[in-house]
Structures are given as structure tokens and as C-alpha cells.
PDB file of N, CA and C in Angstrom:
ATOM      1  N   MET A   1      -0.434 -17.545   6.998  1.00  0.00           N
ATOM      2  CA  MET A   1      -1.059 -16.793   5.793  1.00  0.00           C
ATOM      3  C   MET A   1      -0.392 -15.444   6.113  1.00  0.00           C
ATOM      4  N   ALA A   2       0.124 -14.866   4.914  1.00  0.00           N
ATOM      5  CA  ALA A   2       0.700 -13.355   4.916  1.00  0.00           C
ATOM      6  C   ALA A   2      -0.646 -12.452   5.035  1.00  0.00           C
ATOM      7  N   VAL A   3      -0.359 -11.321   5.673  1.00  0.00           N
ATOM      8  CA  VAL A   3      -1.466 -10.426   5.588  1.00  0.00           C
ATOM      9  C   VAL A   3      -0.891  -9.160   4.812  1.00  0.00           C
ATOM     10  N   ARG A   4      -2.119  -8.699   3.882  1.00  0.00           N
ATOM     11  CA  ARG A   4      -1.799  -7.538   3.268  1.00  0.00           C
ATOM     12  C   ARG A   4      -2.938  -6.498   3.519  1.00  0.00           C
ATOM     13  N   SER A   5      -2.651  -5.318   3.854  1.00  0.00           N
ATOM     14  CA  SER A   5      -3.597  -4.274   4.273  1.00  0.00           C
ATOM     15  C   SER A   5      -4.136  -3.787   2.919  1.00  0.00           C
ATOM     16  N   MET A   6      -5.360  -3.485   2.820  1.00  0.00           N
ATOM     17  CA  MET A   6      -5.970  -2.783   1.575  1.00  0.00           C
ATOM     18  C   MET A   6      -5.931  -1.307   1.815  1.00  0.00           C
ATOM     19  N   ARG A   7      -6.339  -0.394   0.973  1.00  0.00           N
ATOM     20  CA  ARG A   7      -6.415   0.964   1.264  1.00  0.00           C
ATOM     21  C   ARG A   7      -7.600   1.487   0.997  1.00  0.00           C
ATOM     22  N   GLU A   8      -8.045   2.616   1.513  1.00  0.00           N
ATOM     23  CA  GLU A   8      -9.187   3.222   1.433  1.00  0.00           C
ATOM     24  C   GLU A   8      -9.262   3.880  -0.128  1.00  0.00           C
ATOM     25  N   VAL A   9     -10.448   3.675  -0.736  1.00  0.00           N
ATOM     26  CA  VAL A   9     -10.654   4.124  -2.043  1.00  0.00           C
ATOM     27  C   VAL A   9     -10.967   5.672  -2.054  1.00  0.00           C
ATOM     28  N   LEU A  10     -10.243   6.425  -2.805  1.00  0.00           N
ATOM     29  CA  LEU A  10     -10.457   7.818  -2.838  1.00  0.00           C
ATOM     30  C   LEU A  10     -11.649   8.146  -3.741  1.00  0.00           C
ATOM     31  N   PRO A  11     -12.415   9.257  -3.464  1.00  0.00           N
ATOM     32  CA  PRO A  11     -13.698   9.462  -4.368  1.00  0.00           C
ATOM     33  C   PRO A  11     -13.402   9.488  -5.916  1.00  0.00           C
ATOM     34  N   GLU A  12     -12.442   9.895  -6.228  1.00  0.00           N
ATOM     35  CA  GLU A  12     -12.144  10.141  -7.696  1.00  0.00           C
ATOM     36  C   GLU A  12     -11.609   8.845  -8.398  1.00  0.00           C
ATOM     37  N   GLU A  13     -11.461   7.737  -7.658  1.00  0.00           N
ATOM     38  CA  GLU A  13     -11.011   6.486  -7.960  1.00  0.00           C
ATOM     39  C   GLU A  13     -12.218   5.450  -8.413  1.00  0.00           C
ATOM     40  N   ILE A  14     -13.562   5.870  -7.935  1.00  0.00           N
ATOM     41  CA  ILE A  14     -14.654   5.105  -8.176  1.00  0.00           C
ATOM     42  C   ILE A  14     -15.051   5.170  -9.686  1.00  0.00           C
ATOM     43  N   PRO A  15     -14.782   4.019 -10.506  1.00  0.00           N
ATOM     44  CA  PRO A  15     -15.273   4.038 -11.828  1.00  0.00           C
ATOM     45  C   PRO A  15     -16.739   4.117 -11.892  1.00  0.00           C
ATOM     46  N   VAL A  16     -17.447   4.530 -12.910  1.00  0.00           N
ATOM     47  CA  VAL A  16     -18.705   4.556 -13.172  1.00  0.00           C
ATOM     48  C   VAL A  16     -19.347   3.248 -13.518  1.00  0.00           C
ATOM     49  N   ASP A  17     -18.528   2.309 -14.028  1.00  0.00           N
ATOM     50  CA  ASP A  17     -19.013   1.079 -14.525  1.00  0.00           C
ATOM     51  C   ASP A  17     -18.798  -0.090 -13.401  1.00  0.00           C
ATOM     52  N   GLY A  18     -18.121   0.249 -12.290  1.00  0.00           N
ATOM     53  CA  GLY A  18     -17.629  -0.810 -11.488  1.00  0.00           C
ATOM     54  C   GLY A  18     -18.744  -0.944 -10.173  1.00  0.00           C
ATOM     55  N   GLY A  19     -18.712  -2.082  -9.542  1.00  0.00           N
ATOM     56  CA  GLY A  19     -19.454  -2.391  -8.422  1.00  0.00           C
ATOM     57  C   GLY A  19     -18.582  -2.529  -7.219  1.00  0.00           C
ATOM     58  N   THR A  20     -19.067  -2.614  -6.196  1.00  0.00           N
ATOM     59  CA  THR A  20     -18.491  -2.656  -4.696  1.00  0.00           C
ATOM     60  C   THR A  20     -19.169  -3.947  -4.005  1.00  0.00           C
ATOM     61  N   ALA A  21     -18.216  -5.009  -3.719  1.00  0.00           N
ATOM     62  CA  ALA A  21     -18.788  -6.111  -3.044  1.00  0.00           C
ATOM     63  C   ALA A  21     -18.929  -5.756  -1.633  1.00  0.00           C
ATOM     64  N   VAL A  22     -20.001  -6.064  -0.876  1.00  0.00           N
ATOM     65  CA  VAL A  22     -20.366  -5.802   0.441  1.00  0.00           C
ATOM     66  C   VAL A  22     -20.114  -6.849   1.322  1.00  0.00           C
ATOM     67  N   GLN A  23     -19.435  -6.641   2.388  1.00  0.00           N
ATOM     68  CA  GLN A  23     -19.368  -7.630   3.496  1.00  0.00           C
ATOM     69  C   GLN A  23     -20.418  -7.627   4.459  1.00  0.00           C
ATOM     70  N   GLU A  24     -21.315  -8.587   4.361  1.00  0.00           N
ATOM     71  CA  GLU A  24     -22.459  -8.604   5.261  1.00  0.00           C
ATOM     72  C   GLU A  24     -22.206  -9.070   6.720  1.00  0.00           C
ATOM     73  N   ASP A  25     -21.336  -9.898   6.854  1.00  0.00           N
ATOM     74  CA  ASP A  25     -20.993 -10.508   8.117  1.00  0.00           C
ATOM     75  C   ASP A  25     -19.494 -10.126   8.362  1.00  0.00           C
ATOM     76  N   PRO A  26     -19.300  -9.366   9.187  1.00  0.00           N
ATOM     77  CA  PRO A  26     -17.763  -9.001   9.585  1.00  0.00           C
ATOM     78  C   PRO A  26     -16.960 -10.128   9.827  1.00  0.00           C
ATOM     79  N   GLY A  27     -17.550 -11.176  10.235  1.00  0.00           N
ATOM     80  CA  GLY A  27     -17.018 -12.393  10.682  1.00  0.00           C
ATOM     81  C   GLY A  27     -16.471 -13.363   9.805  1.00  0.00           C
ATOM     82  N   ARG A  28     -16.893 -12.988   8.465  1.00  0.00           N
ATOM     83  CA  ARG A  28     -16.569 -13.939   7.433  1.00  0.00           C
ATOM     84  C   ARG A  28     -16.103 -12.924   6.200  1.00  0.00           C
ATOM     85  N   PRO A  29     -15.108 -13.498   5.559  1.00  0.00           N
ATOM     86  CA  PRO A  29     -14.543 -12.594   4.396  1.00  0.00           C
ATOM     87  C   PRO A  29     -15.305 -12.697   3.173  1.00  0.00           C
ATOM     88  N   VAL A  30     -15.476 -11.634   2.373  1.00  0.00           N
ATOM     89  CA  VAL A  30     -16.189 -11.600   1.230  1.00  0.00           C
ATOM     90  C   VAL A  30     -15.622 -12.573  -0.101  1.00  0.00           C
ATOM     91  N   PHE A  31     -14.537 -12.821  -0.031  1.00  0.00           N
ATOM     92  CA  PHE A  31     -13.886 -13.636  -1.040  1.00  0.00           C
ATOM     93  C   PHE A  31     -12.782 -14.700  -0.375  1.00  0.00           C
ATOM     94  N   ARG A  32     -12.820 -15.916  -0.735  1.00  0.00           N
ATOM     95  CA  ARG A  32     -12.028 -16.989  -0.222  1.00  0.00           C
ATOM     96  C   ARG A  32     -11.317 -17.628  -1.565  1.00  0.00           C
ATOM     97  N   GLY A  33      -9.997 -17.838  -1.494  1.00  0.00           N
ATOM     98  CA  GLY A  33      -9.319 -18.576  -2.366  1.00  0.00           C
ATOM     99  C   GLY A  33      -8.223 -19.385  -1.765  1.00  0.00           C
ATOM    100  N   ASN A  34      -7.255 -19.836  -2.658  1.00  0.00           N
ATOM    101  CA  ASN A  34      -6.323 -20.828  -2.317  1.00  0.00           C
ATOM    102  C   ASN A  34      -4.917 -19.967  -2.508  1.00  0.00           C
ATOM    103  N   GLY A  35      -4.955 -18.689  -2.388  1.00  0.00           N
ATOM    104  CA  GLY A  35      -3.534 -17.977  -2.568  1.00  0.00           C
ATOM    105  C   GLY A  35      -2.939 -17.829  -1.162  1.00  0.00           C
ATOM    106  N   GLU A  36      -2.004 -16.954  -1.222  1.00  0.00           N
ATOM    107  CA  GLU A  36      -1.006 -16.930  -0.099  1.00  0.00           C
ATOM    108  C   GLU A  36      -1.256 -15.551   0.803  1.00  0.00           C
ATOM    109  N   PHE A  37      -2.374 -14.717   0.384  1.00  0.00           N
ATOM    110  CA  PHE A  37      -2.536 -13.619   1.341  1.00  0.00           C
ATOM    111  C   PHE A  37      -3.847 -13.432   1.704  1.00  0.00           C
ATOM    112  N   ASP A  38      -4.008 -12.833   2.885  1.00  0.00           N
ATOM    113  CA  ASP A  38      -5.248 -12.534   3.475  1.00  0.00           C
ATOM    114  C   ASP A  38      -5.179 -10.975   3.324  1.00  0.00           C
ATOM    115  N   TYR A  39      -6.341 -10.288   2.850  1.00  0.00           N
ATOM    116  CA  TYR A  39      -6.455  -8.970   2.593  1.00  0.00           C
ATOM    117  C   TYR A  39      -7.409  -8.398   3.787  1.00  0.00           C
ATOM    118  N   VAL A  40      -6.946  -7.356   4.539  1.00  0.00           N
ATOM    119  CA  VAL A  40      -7.681  -6.835   5.467  1.00  0.00           C
ATOM    120  C   VAL A  40      -8.027  -5.278   5.443  1.00  0.00           C
ATOM    121  N   CYS A  41      -9.086  -4.870   6.133  1.00  0.00           N
ATOM    122  CA  CYS A  41      -9.645  -3.408   5.910  1.00  0.00           C
ATOM    123  C   CYS A  41      -8.398  -2.492   6.330  1.00  0.00           C
ATOM    124  N   ALA A  42      -8.517  -1.496   5.621  1.00  0.00           N
ATOM    125  CA  ALA A  42      -7.448  -0.232   5.960  1.00  0.00           C
ATOM    126  C   ALA A  42      -7.758   0.503   7.266  1.00  0.00           C
ATOM    127  N   SER A  43      -8.991   0.387   7.714  1.00  0.00           N
ATOM    128  CA  SER A  43      -9.364   1.220   8.897  1.00  0.00           C
ATOM    129  C   SER A  43      -9.449   0.345  10.119  1.00  0.00           C
ATOM    130  N   CYS A  44     -10.016  -0.761  10.077  1.00  0.00           N
ATOM    131  CA  CYS A  44     -10.310  -1.833  11.376  1.00  0.00           C
ATOM    132  C   CYS A  44      -9.515  -3.121  11.157  1.00  0.00           C
ATOM    133  N   ALA A  45      -8.879  -3.421  10.092  1.00  0.00           N
ATOM    134  CA  ALA A  45      -8.058  -4.773   9.944  1.00  0.00           C
ATOM    135  C   ALA A  45      -9.005  -5.982  10.024  1.00  0.00           C
ATOM    136  N   THR A  46     -10.362  -5.783   9.564  1.00  0.00           N
ATOM    137  CA  THR A  46     -11.228  -6.891   9.523  1.00  0.00           C
ATOM    138  C   THR A  46     -10.923  -7.511   8.379  1.00  0.00           C
ATOM    139  N   VAL A  47     -10.827  -8.953   8.200  1.00  0.00           N
ATOM    140  CA  VAL A  47     -10.318  -9.809   7.087  1.00  0.00           C
ATOM    141  C   VAL A  47     -11.527  -9.676   6.087  1.00  0.00           C
ATOM    142  N   LEU A  48     -11.108  -9.068   4.880  1.00  0.00           N
ATOM    143  CA  LEU A  48     -12.158  -9.018   3.766  1.00  0.00           C
ATOM    144  C   LEU A  48     -11.985 -10.002   2.693  1.00  0.00           C
ATOM    145  N   ALA A  49     -10.772 -10.496   2.593  1.00  0.00           N
ATOM    146  CA  ALA A  49     -10.505 -11.589   1.456  1.00  0.00           C
ATOM    147  C   ALA A  49      -9.436 -12.438   2.050  1.00  0.00           C
ATOM    148  N   ALA A  50      -9.756 -13.721   2.063  1.00  0.00           N
ATOM    149  CA  ALA A  50      -8.881 -14.732   2.673  1.00  0.00           C
ATOM    150  C   ALA A  50      -8.231 -15.704   1.626  1.00  0.00           C
ATOM    151  N   GLY A  51      -6.973 -15.824   1.729  1.00  0.00           N
ATOM    152  CA  GLY A  51      -6.308 -16.943   0.839  1.00  0.00           C
ATOM    153  C   GLY A  51      -6.266 -16.454  -0.720  1.00  0.00           C
ATOM    154  N   MET A  52      -6.002 -15.212  -0.910  1.00  0.00           N
ATOM    155  CA  MET A  52      -6.337 -14.623  -2.283  1.00  0.00           C
ATOM    156  C   MET A  52      -4.950 -14.444  -2.902  1.00  0.00           C
ATOM    157  N   ASP A  53      -4.800 -14.761  -4.272  1.00  0.00           N
ATOM    158  CA  ASP A  53      -3.501 -14.550  -5.044  1.00  0.00           C
ATOM    159  C   ASP A  53      -3.646 -13.036  -5.411  1.00  0.00           C
ATOM    160  N   PRO A  54      -2.452 -12.218  -5.415  1.00  0.00           N
ATOM    161  CA  PRO A  54      -2.504 -10.845  -5.809  1.00  0.00           C
ATOM    162  C   PRO A  54      -2.928 -10.620  -7.249  1.00  0.00           C
ATOM    163  N   ALA A  55      -2.767 -11.582  -8.175  1.00  0.00           N
ATOM    164  CA  ALA A  55      -3.279 -11.458  -9.490  1.00  0.00           C
ATOM    165  C   ALA A  55      -4.818 -11.171  -9.624  1.00  0.00           C
ATOM    166  N   TYR A  56      -5.608 -11.636  -8.626  1.00  0.00           N
ATOM    167  CA  TYR A  56      -7.066 -11.449  -8.678  1.00  0.00           C
ATOM    168  C   TYR A  56      -7.538 -10.362  -7.752  1.00  0.00           C
ATOM    169  N   MET A  57      -6.553  -9.537  -7.090  1.00  0.00           N
ATOM    170  CA  MET A  57      -7.061  -8.408  -6.268  1.00  0.00           C
ATOM    171  C   MET A  57      -6.416  -7.128  -6.953  1.00  0.00           C
ATOM    172  N   THR A  58      -7.210  -6.975  -8.040  1.00  0.00           N
ATOM    173  CA  THR A  58      -6.859  -5.615  -8.804  1.00  0.00           C
ATOM    174  C   THR A  58      -7.446  -4.463  -8.288  1.00  0.00           C
ATOM    175  N   ARG A  59      -7.181  -3.357  -9.170  1.00  0.00           N
ATOM    176  CA  ARG A  59      -7.961  -2.034  -8.793  1.00  0.00           C
ATOM    177  C   ARG A  59      -9.393  -2.124  -9.108  1.00  0.00           C
ATOM    178  N   ARG A  60     -10.049  -3.108  -9.751  1.00  0.00           N
ATOM    179  CA  ARG A  60     -11.334  -3.283 -10.015  1.00  0.00           C
ATOM    180  C   ARG A  60     -12.016  -3.830  -8.882  1.00  0.00           C
ATOM    181  N   VAL A  61     -11.254  -4.544  -7.793  1.00  0.00           N
ATOM    182  CA  VAL A  61     -12.057  -5.169  -6.803  1.00  0.00           C
ATOM    183  C   VAL A  61     -11.990  -4.184  -5.602  1.00  0.00           C
ATOM    184  N   ARG A  62     -13.359  -3.951  -5.466  1.00  0.00           N
ATOM    185  CA  ARG A  62     -13.449  -3.115  -4.123  1.00  0.00           C
ATOM    186  C   ARG A  62     -14.413  -3.735  -3.217  1.00  0.00           C
ATOM    187  N   ILE A  63     -14.174  -3.531  -1.969  1.00  0.00           N
ATOM    188  CA  ILE A  63     -15.028  -4.317  -0.779  1.00  0.00           C
ATOM    189  C   ILE A  63     -15.396  -3.180   0.319  1.00  0.00           C
ATOM    190  N   ARG A  64     -16.681  -3.247   0.513  1.00  0.00           N
ATOM    191  CA  ARG A  64     -16.866  -2.299   1.654  1.00  0.00           C
ATOM    192  C   ARG A  64     -17.041  -3.268   2.914  1.00  0.00           C
ATOM    193  N   CYS A  65     -16.335  -2.718   3.893  1.00  0.00           N
ATOM    194  CA  CYS A  65     -16.077  -3.497   5.191  1.00  0.00           C
ATOM    195  C   CYS A  65     -17.374  -3.651   5.905  1.00  0.00           C
ATOM    196  N   GLY A  66     -17.718  -4.666   6.511  1.00  0.00           N
ATOM    197  CA  GLY A  66     -18.963  -4.910   7.114  1.00  0.00           C
ATOM    198  C   GLY A  66     -18.895  -4.441   8.713  1.00  0.00           C
ATOM    199  N   HIS A  67     -17.803  -4.132   9.147  1.00  0.00           N
ATOM    200  CA  HIS A  67     -17.676  -3.585  10.460  1.00  0.00           C
ATOM    201  C   HIS A  67     -17.680  -2.113  10.396  1.00  0.00           C
ATOM    202  N   CYS A  68     -16.825  -1.375   9.593  1.00  0.00           N
ATOM    203  CA  CYS A  68     -16.712   0.028   9.748  1.00  0.00           C
ATOM    204  C   CYS A  68     -17.084   0.809   8.355  1.00  0.00           C
ATOM    205  N   ALA A  69     -17.699   0.058   7.405  1.00  0.00           N
ATOM    206  CA  ALA A  69     -18.135   0.656   6.087  1.00  0.00           C
ATOM    207  C   ALA A  69     -17.110   1.446   5.336  1.00  0.00           C
ATOM    208  N   THR A  70     -15.811   1.313   5.516  1.00  0.00           N
ATOM    209  CA  THR A  70     -15.026   1.748   4.760  1.00  0.00           C
ATOM    210  C   THR A  70     -14.862   0.905   3.480  1.00  0.00           C
ATOM    211  N   ILE A  71     -14.644   1.736   2.223  1.00  0.00           N
ATOM    212  CA  ILE A  71     -14.689   0.952   0.917  1.00  0.00           C
ATOM    213  C   ILE A  71     -13.214   0.906   0.559  1.00  0.00           C
ATOM    214  N   ASN A  72     -12.706  -0.382   0.469  1.00  0.00           N
ATOM    215  CA  ASN A  72     -11.327  -0.664   0.399  1.00  0.00           C
ATOM    216  C   ASN A  72     -10.903  -1.078  -0.998  1.00  0.00           C
ATOM    217  N   ILE A  73      -9.794  -1.036  -1.506  1.00  0.00           N
ATOM    218  CA  ILE A  73      -9.317  -1.363  -2.661  1.00  0.00           C
ATOM    219  C   ILE A  73      -7.787  -2.170  -2.453  1.00  0.00           C
ATOM    220  N   ALA A  74      -7.466  -3.167  -3.374  1.00  0.00           N
ATOM    221  CA  ALA A  74      -6.239  -3.738  -2.815  1.00  0.00           C
ATOM    222  C   ALA A  74      -5.175  -3.260  -3.822  1.00  0.00           C
ATOM    223  N   ALA A  75      -5.408  -2.433  -4.854  1.00  0.00           N
ATOM    224  CA  ALA A  75      -4.297  -1.721  -5.572  1.00  0.00           C
ATOM    225  C   ALA A  75      -3.490  -0.765  -4.782  1.00  0.00           C
ATOM    226  N   GLU A  76      -2.144  -0.859  -4.807  1.00  0.00           N
ATOM    227  CA  GLU A  76      -1.369  -0.059  -3.988  1.00  0.00           C
ATOM    228  C   GLU A  76      -1.259   1.460  -4.596  1.00  0.00           C
ATOM    229  N   LEU A  77      -1.387   1.424  -6.013  1.00  0.00           N
ATOM    230  CA  LEU A  77      -1.235   2.814  -6.706  1.00  0.00           C
ATOM    231  C   LEU A  77      -2.696   3.385  -6.756  1.00  0.00           C
ATOM    232  N   SER A  78      -2.682   4.640  -6.847  1.00  0.00           N
ATOM    233  CA  SER A  78      -4.033   5.331  -6.945  1.00  0.00           C
ATOM    234  C   SER A  78      -4.208   5.122  -8.668  1.00  0.00           C
ATOM    235  N   VAL A  79      -5.473   5.395  -9.184  1.00  0.00           N
ATOM    236  CA  VAL A  79      -5.855   5.230 -10.421  1.00  0.00           C
ATOM    237  C   VAL A  79      -5.081   6.355 -11.213  1.00  0.00           C
ATOM    238  N   GLN A  80      -4.934   7.546 -10.741  1.00  0.00           N
ATOM    239  CA  GLN A  80      -4.119   8.634 -11.288  1.00  0.00           C
ATOM    240  C   GLN A  80      -2.660   8.389 -11.525  1.00  0.00           C
ATOM    241  N   ALA A  81      -2.123   7.761 -10.426  1.00  0.00           N
ATOM    242  CA  ALA A  81      -0.826   7.342 -10.629  1.00  0.00           C
ATOM    243  C   ALA A  81      -0.492   6.190 -11.585  1.00  0.00           C
ATOM    244  N   ALA A  82      -1.337   5.295 -11.675  1.00  0.00           N
ATOM    245  CA  ALA A  82      -1.302   4.256 -12.617  1.00  0.00           C
ATOM    246  C   ALA A  82      -1.451   4.506 -13.994  1.00  0.00           C
ATOM    247  N   ARG A  83      -2.229   5.451 -14.364  1.00  0.00           N
ATOM    248  CA  ARG A  83      -2.430   5.739 -15.748  1.00  0.00           C
ATOM    249  C   ARG A  83      -1.238   6.536 -16.397  1.00  0.00           C
ATOM    250  N   ARG A  84      -0.972   6.104 -17.701  1.00  0.00           N
ATOM    251  CA  ARG A  84       0.083   6.766 -18.349  1.00  0.00           C
ATOM    252  C   ARG A  84      -0.522   8.124 -19.036  1.00  0.00           C
ATOM    253  N   PRO A  85       0.315   9.092 -19.164  1.00  0.00           N
ATOM    254  CA  PRO A  85      -0.026  10.360 -19.714  1.00  0.00           C
ATOM    255  C   PRO A  85      -0.276  10.034 -21.253  1.00  0.00           C
ATOM    256  N   ARG A  86      -1.200  10.849 -21.715  1.00  0.00           N
ATOM    257  CA  ARG A  86      -1.711  10.759 -23.061  1.00  0.00           C
ATOM    258  C   ARG A  86      -0.561  11.428 -23.941  1.00  0.00           C
ATOM    259  N   GLN A  87      -0.208  10.806 -25.118  1.00  0.00           N
ATOM    260  CA  GLN A  87       0.664  11.487 -26.060  1.00  0.00           C
ATOM    261  C   GLN A  87       0.027  12.232 -27.028  1.00  0.00           C
ATOM    262  N   VAL A  88       0.466  13.449 -27.154  1.00  0.00           N
ATOM    263  CA  VAL A  88      -0.143  14.266 -28.253  1.00  0.00           C
ATOM    264  C   VAL A  88       0.660  14.224 -29.698  1.00  0.00           C
ATOM    265  N   GLY A  89       0.083  14.010 -30.662  1.00  0.00           N
ATOM    266  CA  GLY A  89       0.909  14.033 -31.956  1.00  0.00           C
ATOM    267  C   GLY A  89       0.504  12.965 -32.808  1.00  0.00           C
TER     268      GLY A  89
END
């Protein structure tokens, strides 16, 4: 299984309408799937999501690590970098 490191969520990236999955047992991932990647915590490398397809690991998926309490996101770009500038006119 290939491993992808998640990244820490920046304070300005937390949407008001979103939630964060909490890993209660550091020995068990929060999500399990049949995909090709395991997603690990950016700070301590604890497995947070096992066997996930990247299509399901969007910027709306946030997981708080049960080992170090870091809030992780799978998206590689920040929300600001991913947004398109508004067009005036």
C-alpha cells in the first residue's frame, strides 16, 4: 500500500460549515476503504485513513490525530491557492 502524508490544517482553512473526524484509538484508522493509499498524520505519521482512493480525500475531509491532536487535511493545496480570483465586470 502506498503512503501519502496529510498536511496540517491552517487556521484560515477551517470552514464554518465543516466538521473534523476524531481518531479515538491511535491504533485504528478513522476511515477504511479499498483504494490504493494510506494517509498518515503530518506530525507523527500515525495512519489516519487506510486504503483510500484520492477522489474521496478532498479538502473537506479533516481528521484530528488521536496520538498528537494535529488536525490534518489530505488536500495538497491551501484553500486560498485553490480558489479562483473573482472577476470584476
